[in-house]
N, C-alpha and C. Protein backbone atom coordinates (compact mmCIF):
# COMPACT_ATOMS: atom_id res chain seq x y z
N MET A 1 -9.19 15.42 -21.45
CA MET A 1 -9.94 14.74 -20.41
C MET A 1 -8.95 14.13 -19.42
N SER A 2 -9.15 14.37 -18.15
CA SER A 2 -8.22 13.84 -17.16
C SER A 2 -8.65 12.45 -16.74
N GLY A 3 -7.66 11.70 -16.28
CA GLY A 3 -7.90 10.32 -15.86
C GLY A 3 -8.47 10.25 -14.45
N THR A 4 -8.66 9.05 -14.00
CA THR A 4 -9.15 8.81 -12.65
C THR A 4 -8.29 7.75 -12.00
N LEU A 5 -8.35 7.72 -10.68
CA LEU A 5 -7.64 6.69 -9.95
C LEU A 5 -8.27 5.33 -10.22
N SER A 6 -7.44 4.32 -10.28
CA SER A 6 -7.97 2.96 -10.38
C SER A 6 -8.64 2.62 -9.05
N PRO A 7 -9.68 1.78 -9.08
CA PRO A 7 -10.37 1.44 -7.83
C PRO A 7 -9.47 0.62 -6.91
N TRP A 8 -9.80 0.68 -5.63
CA TRP A 8 -9.11 -0.17 -4.66
C TRP A 8 -9.32 -1.63 -5.09
N PRO A 9 -8.32 -2.46 -4.98
CA PRO A 9 -8.51 -3.86 -5.34
C PRO A 9 -9.35 -4.59 -4.27
N LEU A 10 -10.05 -5.62 -4.69
CA LEU A 10 -10.77 -6.49 -3.76
C LEU A 10 -9.92 -7.75 -3.61
N ILE A 11 -9.46 -8.01 -2.39
CA ILE A 11 -8.68 -9.22 -2.17
C ILE A 11 -9.23 -9.95 -0.95
N HIS A 12 -9.01 -11.25 -0.93
CA HIS A 12 -9.53 -12.08 0.16
C HIS A 12 -8.65 -13.32 0.26
N GLN A 13 -9.01 -14.19 1.21
CA GLN A 13 -8.21 -15.39 1.43
C GLN A 13 -7.99 -16.13 0.12
N GLY A 14 -6.76 -16.56 -0.10
CA GLY A 14 -6.38 -17.24 -1.33
C GLY A 14 -5.59 -16.34 -2.27
N ALA A 15 -5.67 -15.01 -2.07
CA ALA A 15 -4.91 -14.09 -2.91
C ALA A 15 -3.41 -14.26 -2.66
N LYS A 16 -2.63 -14.01 -3.70
CA LYS A 16 -1.17 -14.13 -3.61
C LYS A 16 -0.54 -12.92 -4.28
N GLU A 17 0.67 -12.61 -3.85
CA GLU A 17 1.45 -11.53 -4.45
C GLU A 17 0.79 -10.16 -4.23
N HIS A 18 1.05 -9.23 -5.15
CA HIS A 18 0.57 -7.85 -5.00
C HIS A 18 -0.94 -7.79 -4.95
N PRO A 19 -1.54 -7.03 -4.05
CA PRO A 19 -0.97 -6.17 -3.02
C PRO A 19 -0.96 -6.80 -1.62
N VAL A 20 -0.91 -8.15 -1.56
CA VAL A 20 -0.99 -8.83 -0.26
C VAL A 20 0.13 -8.40 0.70
N PRO A 21 1.40 -8.30 0.26
CA PRO A 21 2.42 -7.86 1.22
C PRO A 21 2.12 -6.48 1.81
N THR A 22 1.61 -5.58 0.98
CA THR A 22 1.26 -4.24 1.47
C THR A 22 0.15 -4.34 2.51
N LEU A 23 -0.86 -5.15 2.23
CA LEU A 23 -1.93 -5.39 3.20
C LEU A 23 -1.33 -5.89 4.51
N GLN A 24 -0.42 -6.85 4.42
CA GLN A 24 0.17 -7.43 5.63
C GLN A 24 0.98 -6.39 6.40
N TYR A 25 1.72 -5.55 5.71
CA TYR A 25 2.46 -4.48 6.40
C TYR A 25 1.49 -3.52 7.09
N LEU A 26 0.39 -3.18 6.42
CA LEU A 26 -0.58 -2.26 7.04
C LEU A 26 -1.26 -2.90 8.24
N LEU A 27 -1.56 -4.18 8.16
CA LEU A 27 -2.13 -4.88 9.33
C LEU A 27 -1.15 -4.84 10.49
N ARG A 28 0.13 -5.07 10.20
CA ARG A 28 1.16 -5.00 11.25
C ARG A 28 1.23 -3.60 11.85
N ALA A 29 1.14 -2.60 10.97
CA ALA A 29 1.20 -1.20 11.44
C ALA A 29 0.00 -0.90 12.35
N ARG A 30 -1.08 -1.63 12.17
CA ARG A 30 -2.29 -1.45 12.98
C ARG A 30 -2.33 -2.40 14.18
N GLY A 31 -1.18 -3.05 14.46
CA GLY A 31 -1.07 -3.85 15.68
C GLY A 31 -1.42 -5.31 15.55
N HIS A 32 -1.59 -5.80 14.34
CA HIS A 32 -1.93 -7.22 14.14
C HIS A 32 -0.68 -8.00 13.77
N THR A 33 -0.49 -9.14 14.40
CA THR A 33 0.69 -9.95 14.18
C THR A 33 0.46 -10.87 12.99
N VAL A 34 1.03 -10.50 11.86
CA VAL A 34 0.98 -11.34 10.67
C VAL A 34 2.38 -11.39 10.06
N VAL A 35 2.66 -12.47 9.38
CA VAL A 35 3.91 -12.61 8.65
C VAL A 35 3.72 -12.00 7.27
N VAL A 36 4.68 -11.21 6.83
CA VAL A 36 4.61 -10.62 5.49
C VAL A 36 5.23 -11.63 4.52
N ASP A 37 4.34 -12.45 3.92
CA ASP A 37 4.80 -13.49 3.01
C ASP A 37 4.11 -13.44 1.65
N GLY A 38 3.20 -12.46 1.46
CA GLY A 38 2.52 -12.34 0.18
C GLY A 38 1.42 -13.35 -0.04
N LEU A 39 1.06 -14.11 0.99
CA LEU A 39 0.00 -15.10 0.89
C LEU A 39 -1.14 -14.74 1.83
N PHE A 40 -2.31 -14.56 1.30
CA PHE A 40 -3.50 -14.22 2.10
C PHE A 40 -4.08 -15.54 2.60
N GLY A 41 -3.49 -16.03 3.68
CA GLY A 41 -3.91 -17.30 4.25
C GLY A 41 -4.79 -17.09 5.47
N PRO A 42 -5.00 -18.15 6.25
CA PRO A 42 -5.89 -18.09 7.41
C PRO A 42 -5.48 -17.04 8.45
N ARG A 43 -4.20 -16.85 8.68
CA ARG A 43 -3.77 -15.87 9.70
C ARG A 43 -4.03 -14.44 9.22
N THR A 44 -3.76 -14.17 7.95
CA THR A 44 -4.06 -12.84 7.41
C THR A 44 -5.57 -12.62 7.41
N ASP A 45 -6.33 -13.66 7.05
CA ASP A 45 -7.79 -13.55 7.07
C ASP A 45 -8.28 -13.23 8.48
N ALA A 46 -7.75 -13.91 9.47
CA ALA A 46 -8.17 -13.66 10.86
C ALA A 46 -7.83 -12.24 11.28
N ALA A 47 -6.64 -11.74 10.85
CA ALA A 47 -6.24 -10.37 11.19
C ALA A 47 -7.15 -9.36 10.49
N VAL A 48 -7.51 -9.62 9.24
CA VAL A 48 -8.41 -8.72 8.50
C VAL A 48 -9.76 -8.67 9.21
N ARG A 49 -10.29 -9.83 9.58
CA ARG A 49 -11.60 -9.89 10.24
C ARG A 49 -11.56 -9.18 11.59
N ALA A 50 -10.48 -9.36 12.34
CA ALA A 50 -10.34 -8.67 13.64
C ALA A 50 -10.29 -7.16 13.42
N PHE A 51 -9.54 -6.72 12.42
CA PHE A 51 -9.44 -5.29 12.11
C PHE A 51 -10.81 -4.75 11.71
N GLN A 52 -11.50 -5.47 10.84
CA GLN A 52 -12.83 -5.02 10.41
C GLN A 52 -13.77 -4.89 11.61
N SER A 53 -13.71 -5.83 12.52
CA SER A 53 -14.55 -5.79 13.71
C SER A 53 -14.20 -4.57 14.57
N GLU A 54 -12.90 -4.33 14.78
CA GLU A 54 -12.45 -3.18 15.58
C GLU A 54 -12.95 -1.86 15.01
N LYS A 55 -13.01 -1.77 13.69
CA LYS A 55 -13.37 -0.52 13.02
C LYS A 55 -14.86 -0.41 12.71
N GLY A 56 -15.63 -1.41 13.10
CA GLY A 56 -17.07 -1.36 12.85
C GLY A 56 -17.44 -1.56 11.39
N LEU A 57 -16.57 -2.26 10.67
CA LEU A 57 -16.82 -2.53 9.25
C LEU A 57 -17.50 -3.90 9.12
N ALA A 58 -18.03 -4.18 7.94
CA ALA A 58 -18.58 -5.51 7.68
C ALA A 58 -17.45 -6.52 7.85
N VAL A 59 -17.67 -7.52 8.67
CA VAL A 59 -16.65 -8.53 8.95
C VAL A 59 -16.84 -9.68 7.97
N ASP A 60 -16.18 -9.54 6.80
CA ASP A 60 -16.34 -10.53 5.74
C ASP A 60 -15.01 -11.07 5.23
N GLY A 61 -13.89 -10.55 5.75
CA GLY A 61 -12.59 -11.01 5.31
C GLY A 61 -12.20 -10.51 3.93
N ILE A 62 -13.04 -9.69 3.32
CA ILE A 62 -12.74 -9.13 2.00
C ILE A 62 -12.18 -7.73 2.19
N VAL A 63 -11.00 -7.50 1.64
CA VAL A 63 -10.37 -6.19 1.73
C VAL A 63 -10.74 -5.42 0.48
N GLY A 64 -11.68 -4.49 0.66
CA GLY A 64 -12.15 -3.63 -0.42
C GLY A 64 -11.99 -2.18 -0.01
N PRO A 65 -12.71 -1.27 -0.67
CA PRO A 65 -12.52 0.16 -0.43
C PRO A 65 -12.64 0.60 1.03
N HIS A 66 -13.62 0.07 1.76
CA HIS A 66 -13.81 0.51 3.15
C HIS A 66 -12.69 0.02 4.05
N THR A 67 -12.29 -1.23 3.85
CA THR A 67 -11.21 -1.78 4.69
C THR A 67 -9.88 -1.11 4.35
N TRP A 68 -9.58 -0.97 3.04
CA TRP A 68 -8.35 -0.27 2.66
C TRP A 68 -8.34 1.14 3.25
N GLY A 69 -9.47 1.84 3.11
CA GLY A 69 -9.55 3.22 3.61
C GLY A 69 -9.29 3.33 5.10
N ALA A 70 -9.72 2.32 5.85
CA ALA A 70 -9.48 2.33 7.30
C ALA A 70 -8.07 1.88 7.65
N LEU A 71 -7.47 1.05 6.80
CA LEU A 71 -6.13 0.51 7.07
C LEU A 71 -5.01 1.50 6.82
N ILE A 72 -5.15 2.30 5.76
CA ILE A 72 -4.02 3.14 5.35
C ILE A 72 -3.64 4.15 6.44
N ILE A 73 -2.38 4.45 6.46
CA ILE A 73 -1.81 5.41 7.42
C ILE A 73 -1.00 6.41 6.60
N GLU A 74 -1.29 7.69 6.78
CA GLU A 74 -0.52 8.70 6.05
C GLU A 74 0.93 8.66 6.52
N VAL A 75 1.83 8.58 5.58
CA VAL A 75 3.26 8.59 5.90
C VAL A 75 3.96 9.65 5.05
N ARG A 76 5.05 10.15 5.59
CA ARG A 76 5.83 11.20 4.93
C ARG A 76 7.25 11.10 5.44
N ARG A 77 8.11 11.96 4.88
CA ARG A 77 9.51 11.95 5.29
C ARG A 77 9.60 12.04 6.80
N GLY A 78 10.41 11.16 7.39
CA GLY A 78 10.56 11.10 8.84
C GLY A 78 9.72 10.00 9.48
N SER A 79 8.71 9.50 8.74
CA SER A 79 7.89 8.39 9.25
C SER A 79 8.73 7.12 9.28
N GLU A 80 8.37 6.21 10.18
CA GLU A 80 9.06 4.92 10.29
C GLU A 80 8.05 3.83 10.56
N GLY A 81 8.41 2.60 10.22
CA GLY A 81 7.61 1.45 10.60
C GLY A 81 7.00 0.70 9.43
N ASP A 82 6.03 -0.15 9.79
CA ASP A 82 5.45 -1.06 8.80
C ASP A 82 4.63 -0.36 7.72
N ALA A 83 3.98 0.76 8.03
CA ALA A 83 3.24 1.49 6.99
C ALA A 83 4.22 1.99 5.92
N VAL A 84 5.39 2.45 6.34
CA VAL A 84 6.42 2.88 5.39
C VAL A 84 6.90 1.67 4.58
N ARG A 85 7.07 0.53 5.25
CA ARG A 85 7.47 -0.68 4.52
C ARG A 85 6.43 -1.01 3.45
N GLY A 86 5.15 -0.78 3.74
CA GLY A 86 4.10 -1.01 2.75
C GLY A 86 4.29 -0.14 1.51
N VAL A 87 4.61 1.12 1.73
CA VAL A 87 4.88 2.03 0.60
C VAL A 87 6.10 1.53 -0.17
N GLN A 88 7.16 1.21 0.55
CA GLN A 88 8.39 0.75 -0.09
C GLN A 88 8.15 -0.56 -0.85
N GLU A 89 7.33 -1.44 -0.31
CA GLU A 89 6.97 -2.68 -0.98
C GLU A 89 6.31 -2.39 -2.33
N GLU A 90 5.48 -1.35 -2.37
CA GLU A 90 4.82 -0.97 -3.63
C GLU A 90 5.86 -0.56 -4.67
N PHE A 91 6.91 0.11 -4.25
CA PHE A 91 7.94 0.50 -5.22
C PHE A 91 8.79 -0.70 -5.63
N GLN A 92 8.97 -1.67 -4.73
CA GLN A 92 9.66 -2.91 -5.12
C GLN A 92 8.82 -3.65 -6.15
N PHE A 93 7.49 -3.63 -6.00
CA PHE A 93 6.58 -4.27 -6.96
C PHE A 93 6.78 -3.65 -8.35
N ARG A 94 7.09 -2.37 -8.40
CA ARG A 94 7.29 -1.67 -9.67
C ARG A 94 8.73 -1.73 -10.16
N ASN A 95 9.62 -2.37 -9.41
CA ASN A 95 11.03 -2.51 -9.77
C ASN A 95 11.14 -3.59 -10.85
N LEU A 96 11.41 -3.16 -12.05
CA LEU A 96 11.44 -4.10 -13.17
C LEU A 96 12.81 -4.74 -13.40
N SER A 97 13.79 -4.39 -12.59
CA SER A 97 15.13 -4.91 -12.82
C SER A 97 15.24 -6.40 -12.48
N GLY A 98 14.31 -6.90 -11.66
CA GLY A 98 14.41 -8.29 -11.22
C GLY A 98 15.38 -8.46 -10.06
N ASP A 99 16.02 -7.38 -9.67
CA ASP A 99 16.99 -7.42 -8.57
C ASP A 99 16.51 -6.48 -7.47
N PRO A 100 16.03 -7.05 -6.33
CA PRO A 100 15.54 -6.19 -5.25
C PRO A 100 16.56 -5.17 -4.77
N ALA A 101 17.85 -5.48 -4.92
CA ALA A 101 18.89 -4.55 -4.49
C ALA A 101 18.90 -3.29 -5.35
N GLN A 102 18.33 -3.36 -6.56
CA GLN A 102 18.30 -2.20 -7.46
C GLN A 102 17.14 -1.26 -7.15
N GLY A 103 16.16 -1.76 -6.43
CA GLY A 103 14.98 -0.94 -6.13
C GLY A 103 15.10 -0.25 -4.79
N LEU A 104 14.01 0.36 -4.39
CA LEU A 104 13.94 1.05 -3.12
C LEU A 104 14.02 0.04 -1.99
N ALA A 105 14.86 0.29 -1.00
CA ALA A 105 14.99 -0.62 0.14
C ALA A 105 13.71 -0.63 0.96
N VAL A 106 13.30 -1.82 1.38
CA VAL A 106 12.13 -1.96 2.25
C VAL A 106 12.67 -2.03 3.68
N ASP A 107 12.97 -0.82 4.21
CA ASP A 107 13.61 -0.73 5.53
C ASP A 107 12.76 -0.03 6.58
N GLY A 108 11.58 0.47 6.17
CA GLY A 108 10.69 1.12 7.13
C GLY A 108 11.09 2.53 7.49
N LEU A 109 12.08 3.10 6.79
CA LEU A 109 12.53 4.47 7.06
C LEU A 109 12.17 5.36 5.87
N PHE A 110 11.32 6.34 6.09
CA PHE A 110 10.88 7.24 5.02
C PHE A 110 11.90 8.37 4.93
N GLY A 111 12.95 8.11 4.17
CA GLY A 111 14.02 9.09 4.00
C GLY A 111 13.96 9.70 2.61
N PRO A 112 15.07 10.31 2.18
CA PRO A 112 15.10 11.02 0.90
C PRO A 112 14.82 10.13 -0.31
N GLU A 113 15.29 8.88 -0.30
CA GLU A 113 15.06 8.01 -1.46
C GLU A 113 13.57 7.66 -1.57
N THR A 114 12.94 7.36 -0.45
CA THR A 114 11.51 7.04 -0.48
C THR A 114 10.73 8.28 -0.90
N GLU A 115 11.09 9.44 -0.36
CA GLU A 115 10.38 10.66 -0.74
C GLU A 115 10.53 10.93 -2.23
N ALA A 116 11.72 10.75 -2.78
CA ALA A 116 11.94 10.98 -4.21
C ALA A 116 11.09 10.02 -5.04
N ALA A 117 11.02 8.76 -4.62
CA ALA A 117 10.20 7.78 -5.35
C ALA A 117 8.73 8.17 -5.30
N VAL A 118 8.26 8.60 -4.13
CA VAL A 118 6.86 9.02 -3.99
C VAL A 118 6.58 10.23 -4.87
N ARG A 119 7.46 11.23 -4.83
CA ARG A 119 7.25 12.42 -5.65
C ARG A 119 7.25 12.09 -7.15
N ASP A 120 8.17 11.22 -7.57
CA ASP A 120 8.20 10.83 -8.99
C ASP A 120 6.90 10.14 -9.37
N PHE A 121 6.42 9.26 -8.51
CA PHE A 121 5.16 8.55 -8.75
C PHE A 121 4.01 9.55 -8.82
N GLN A 122 3.97 10.47 -7.87
CA GLN A 122 2.90 11.48 -7.86
C GLN A 122 2.96 12.37 -9.09
N ARG A 123 4.17 12.71 -9.51
CA ARG A 123 4.34 13.55 -10.70
C ARG A 123 3.76 12.84 -11.94
N ALA A 124 4.05 11.55 -12.06
CA ALA A 124 3.53 10.77 -13.19
C ALA A 124 2.00 10.68 -13.13
N LEU A 125 1.46 10.50 -11.94
CA LEU A 125 0.00 10.46 -11.79
C LEU A 125 -0.62 11.82 -12.09
N HIS A 126 0.01 12.87 -11.58
CA HIS A 126 -0.51 14.24 -11.71
C HIS A 126 -0.65 14.64 -13.19
N ALA A 127 0.22 14.10 -14.04
CA ALA A 127 0.14 14.43 -15.46
C ALA A 127 -1.21 14.01 -16.04
N ASP A 128 -1.80 12.96 -15.52
CA ASP A 128 -3.09 12.47 -16.02
C ASP A 128 -4.25 12.77 -15.06
N ILE A 129 -3.92 12.92 -13.78
CA ILE A 129 -4.95 13.17 -12.75
C ILE A 129 -4.52 14.41 -11.96
N PRO A 130 -4.89 15.60 -12.43
CA PRO A 130 -4.41 16.85 -11.81
C PRO A 130 -4.72 16.99 -10.32
N SER A 131 -5.72 16.27 -9.81
CA SER A 131 -6.05 16.39 -8.39
C SER A 131 -5.04 15.69 -7.49
N VAL A 132 -4.14 14.90 -8.06
CA VAL A 132 -3.10 14.25 -7.26
C VAL A 132 -2.01 15.28 -6.96
N ALA A 133 -1.80 15.55 -5.68
CA ALA A 133 -0.76 16.50 -5.26
C ALA A 133 0.62 15.85 -5.36
N VAL A 134 1.59 16.65 -5.75
CA VAL A 134 2.99 16.20 -5.77
C VAL A 134 3.64 16.81 -4.54
N ASP A 135 3.45 16.11 -3.40
CA ASP A 135 3.92 16.66 -2.12
C ASP A 135 4.80 15.70 -1.33
N GLY A 136 5.03 14.50 -1.86
CA GLY A 136 5.87 13.54 -1.16
C GLY A 136 5.19 12.87 0.02
N ILE A 137 3.90 13.15 0.23
CA ILE A 137 3.14 12.57 1.33
C ILE A 137 2.25 11.46 0.78
N VAL A 138 2.30 10.30 1.40
CA VAL A 138 1.46 9.19 0.95
C VAL A 138 0.17 9.24 1.76
N GLY A 139 -0.82 9.92 1.18
CA GLY A 139 -2.15 10.02 1.76
C GLY A 139 -3.10 9.11 0.99
N PRO A 140 -4.41 9.28 1.18
CA PRO A 140 -5.39 8.37 0.57
C PRO A 140 -5.28 8.20 -0.94
N MET A 141 -5.11 9.28 -1.69
CA MET A 141 -5.06 9.14 -3.15
C MET A 141 -3.80 8.40 -3.60
N THR A 142 -2.68 8.73 -2.99
CA THR A 142 -1.43 8.06 -3.38
C THR A 142 -1.47 6.59 -2.97
N TRP A 143 -1.98 6.30 -1.77
CA TRP A 143 -2.13 4.90 -1.35
C TRP A 143 -3.00 4.14 -2.35
N GLN A 144 -4.13 4.72 -2.73
CA GLN A 144 -5.04 4.03 -3.65
C GLN A 144 -4.36 3.76 -4.98
N ALA A 145 -3.64 4.73 -5.50
CA ALA A 145 -2.94 4.55 -6.78
C ALA A 145 -1.88 3.46 -6.65
N LEU A 146 -1.16 3.43 -5.53
CA LEU A 146 -0.13 2.41 -5.33
C LEU A 146 -0.74 1.03 -5.23
N VAL A 147 -1.70 0.87 -4.31
CA VAL A 147 -2.27 -0.45 -4.03
C VAL A 147 -3.04 -1.00 -5.22
N SER A 148 -3.66 -0.11 -6.01
CA SER A 148 -4.44 -0.56 -7.17
C SER A 148 -3.53 -0.95 -8.34
N GLY A 149 -2.23 -0.72 -8.21
CA GLY A 149 -1.30 -1.14 -9.25
C GLY A 149 -1.05 -0.12 -10.34
N MET A 150 -1.49 1.13 -10.15
CA MET A 150 -1.28 2.13 -11.19
C MET A 150 0.22 2.33 -11.45
N LEU A 151 0.54 2.55 -12.69
CA LEU A 151 1.92 2.78 -13.16
C LEU A 151 2.83 1.61 -12.93
N SER A 152 2.25 0.40 -12.80
CA SER A 152 3.09 -0.79 -12.76
C SER A 152 3.02 -1.41 -14.16
N PHE A 153 4.06 -2.07 -14.53
CA PHE A 153 4.13 -2.55 -15.92
C PHE A 153 4.17 -4.05 -15.99
């Protein structure tokens, strides 16, 4: 029996830590000025509500499946910017060494190291969820697996 993707997390004002930094990077990638501090405070809430309004979503400040689905941006080797930082932040979240220098750099450049990390993650997912492609591209399924915390320990 094959597994399934974990559901998108529901987060709102007051949330801290994972996946708030990723949310903040994605909001920045969508043109909203927020500080990436891992705290879902009033400014992040205002940016979420503005984004939801722009996209015709329910304006409730809750980041769930519809908001995540509208926020994500497909990234791949050669991509640059805050959406890539969001992916890299997810791999830092999974860095168990306790030393950020040992993990994937959060530099916004989707180069060979980021691609290798994505492919390794996809390969691990694919073993249980065959519909996950191992292509090095962070599309909807890979984003959902990352943001939902799959394969984090």
